[in-house]
Amino acid sequence: MRVPGDDKSDSLMIGQDTPKYFDDDGTEISPDLIPKPDLCITCKKDGESGEEEILCSLTRADQQGEEEFMCEAYEPRDIEK
């Protein structure tokens, strides 16, 4: 049984609307400082909030510094005519 407040995940759920992100070393990172690849800008999910925003931020953070960015959730925007 878990005791409320015994780890970071519980403290995130109580009174906080903004998710926190941590790298593999446990250092907190700001998703606003993670560069947004061109692929993300052309994705129809770009700018969505909630769970989609969290998944996108985690994907970008995980691949930061990689030569090529890949995203399995990518969906191209519909081109307006």
C-alpha atoms as a PDB file:
ATOM      1  CA  MET A   1       0.000   0.000   0.000  1.00  0.00           C
ATOM      2  CA  ARG A   2       1.267   3.447  -0.886  1.00  0.00           C
ATOM      3  CA  VAL A   3       1.242   6.287   1.561  1.00  0.00           C
ATOM      4  CA  PRO A   4       0.154   9.614  -0.028  1.00  0.00           C
ATOM      5  CA  GLY A   5       3.067  11.998  -0.334  1.00  0.00           C
ATOM      6  CA  ASP A   6       5.772   9.317  -0.142  1.00  0.00           C
ATOM      7  CA  ASP A   7       7.175  10.011  -3.617  1.00  0.00           C
ATOM      8  CA  LYS A   8       7.356  12.605  -6.410  1.00  0.00           C
ATOM      9  CA  SER A   9       4.365  11.249  -8.329  1.00  0.00           C
ATOM     10  CA  ASP A  10       1.986  11.877  -5.432  1.00  0.00           C
ATOM     11  CA  SER A  11       3.188  15.439  -5.001  1.00  0.00           C
ATOM     12  CA  LEU A  12       2.559  16.100  -8.694  1.00  0.00           C
ATOM     13  CA  MET A  13      -1.049  15.016  -8.402  1.00  0.00           C
ATOM     14  CA  ILE A  14      -1.928  17.250  -5.476  1.00  0.00           C
ATOM     15  CA  GLY A  15      -2.515  20.877  -6.406  1.00  0.00           C
ATOM     16  CA  GLN A  16      -0.362  21.040  -9.537  1.00  0.00           C
ATOM     17  CA  ASP A  17      -1.615  21.309 -13.095  1.00  0.00           C
ATOM     18  CA  THR A  18       1.774  21.502 -14.801  1.00  0.00           C
ATOM     19  CA  PRO A  19       3.622  18.220 -15.321  1.00  0.00           C
ATOM     20  CA  LYS A  20       7.289  18.074 -14.370  1.00  0.00           C
ATOM     21  CA  TYR A  21       9.882  16.367 -16.527  1.00  0.00           C
ATOM     22  CA  PHE A  22      13.100  14.706 -15.377  1.00  0.00           C
ATOM     23  CA  ASP A  23      16.024  13.330 -17.357  1.00  0.00           C
ATOM     24  CA  ASP A  24      17.604   9.934 -16.688  1.00  0.00           C
ATOM     25  CA  ASP A  25      19.800  11.459 -13.971  1.00  0.00           C
ATOM     26  CA  GLY A  26      16.776  12.852 -12.110  1.00  0.00           C
ATOM     27  CA  THR A  27      17.463  16.457 -13.083  1.00  0.00           C
ATOM     28  CA  GLU A  28      14.324  18.466 -13.763  1.00  0.00           C
ATOM     29  CA  ILE A  29      14.096  19.779 -17.319  1.00  0.00           C
ATOM     30  CA  SER A  30      11.847  22.440 -18.778  1.00  0.00           C
ATOM     31  CA  PRO A  31       9.905  21.303 -21.853  1.00  0.00           C
ATOM     32  CA  ASP A  32       9.949  24.918 -23.087  1.00  0.00           C
ATOM     33  CA  LEU A  33      13.720  24.675 -23.516  1.00  0.00           C
ATOM     34  CA  ILE A  34      13.630  21.513 -25.639  1.00  0.00           C
ATOM     35  CA  PRO A  35      13.975  22.437 -29.317  1.00  0.00           C
ATOM     36  CA  LYS A  36      10.932  21.600 -31.450  1.00  0.00           C
ATOM     37  CA  PRO A  37      11.956  19.710 -34.602  1.00  0.00           C
ATOM     38  CA  ASP A  38      10.460  20.674 -37.978  1.00  0.00           C
ATOM     39  CA  LEU A  39       8.523  17.400 -38.004  1.00  0.00           C
ATOM     40  CA  CYS A  40       6.633  18.505 -34.879  1.00  0.00           C
ATOM     41  CA  ILE A  41       5.704  21.840 -36.418  1.00  0.00           C
ATOM     42  CA  THR A  42       4.052  20.055 -39.356  1.00  0.00           C
ATOM     43  CA  CYS A  43       2.166  17.599 -37.108  1.00  0.00           C
ATOM     44  CA  LYS A  44      -1.540  18.114 -36.500  1.00  0.00           C
ATOM     45  CA  LYS A  45      -0.948  17.314 -32.809  1.00  0.00           C
ATOM     46  CA  ASP A  46       1.358  20.325 -32.397  1.00  0.00           C
ATOM     47  CA  GLY A  47      -0.140  22.740 -29.895  1.00  0.00           C
ATOM     48  CA  GLU A  48      -2.537  20.243 -28.315  1.00  0.00           C
ATOM     49  CA  SER A  49      -2.674  20.207 -24.549  1.00  0.00           C
ATOM     50  CA  GLY A  50      -3.107  17.454 -21.999  1.00  0.00           C
ATOM     51  CA  GLU A  51      -1.754  13.966 -22.493  1.00  0.00           C
ATOM     52  CA  GLU A  52      -0.734  14.595 -26.103  1.00  0.00           C
ATOM     53  CA  GLU A  53       1.430  17.550 -25.080  1.00  0.00           C
ATOM     54  CA  ILE A  54       3.130  15.407 -22.430  1.00  0.00           C
ATOM     55  CA  LEU A  55       3.839  12.587 -24.889  1.00  0.00           C
ATOM     56  CA  CYS A  56       5.234  15.013 -27.466  1.00  0.00           C
ATOM     57  CA  SER A  57       7.481  16.688 -24.881  1.00  0.00           C
ATOM     58  CA  LEU A  58       8.804  13.333 -23.673  1.00  0.00           C
ATOM     59  CA  THR A  59       9.499  12.200 -27.242  1.00  0.00           C
ATOM     60  CA  ARG A  60      11.430  15.403 -28.003  1.00  0.00           C
ATOM     61  CA  ALA A  61      13.357  15.245 -24.712  1.00  0.00           C
ATOM     62  CA  ASP A  62      14.308  11.613 -25.301  1.00  0.00           C
ATOM     63  CA  GLN A  63      15.735  12.346 -28.747  1.00  0.00           C
ATOM     64  CA  GLN A  64      17.372  15.669 -27.954  1.00  0.00           C
ATOM     65  CA  GLY A  65      20.792  15.820 -29.595  1.00  0.00           C
ATOM     66  CA  GLU A  66      20.100  12.912 -31.960  1.00  0.00           C
ATOM     67  CA  GLU A  67      21.029  13.301 -35.616  1.00  0.00           C
ATOM     68  CA  GLU A  68      17.543  12.379 -36.872  1.00  0.00           C
ATOM     69  CA  PHE A  69      14.211  12.913 -35.088  1.00  0.00           C
ATOM     70  CA  MET A  70      11.610  10.160 -35.381  1.00  0.00           C
ATOM     71  CA  CYS A  71       8.074  10.121 -34.002  1.00  0.00           C
ATOM     72  CA  GLU A  72       5.731   7.137 -34.254  1.00  0.00           C
ATOM     73  CA  ALA A  73       2.735   9.344 -33.341  1.00  0.00           C
ATOM     74  CA  TYR A  74       3.283  11.839 -36.185  1.00  0.00           C
ATOM     75  CA  GLU A  75       0.212  12.792 -38.214  1.00  0.00           C
ATOM     76  CA  PRO A  76       0.632  15.408 -40.966  1.00  0.00           C
ATOM     77  CA  ARG A  77      -1.560  18.497 -40.825  1.00  0.00           C
ATOM     78  CA  ASP A  78      -4.339  18.759 -43.337  1.00  0.00           C
ATOM     79  CA  ILE A  79      -3.326  21.293 -45.958  1.00  0.00           C
ATOM     80  CA  GLU A  80      -5.936  24.010 -46.343  1.00  0.00           C
ATOM     81  CA  LYS A  81      -6.755  24.940 -49.915  1.00  0.00           C
END
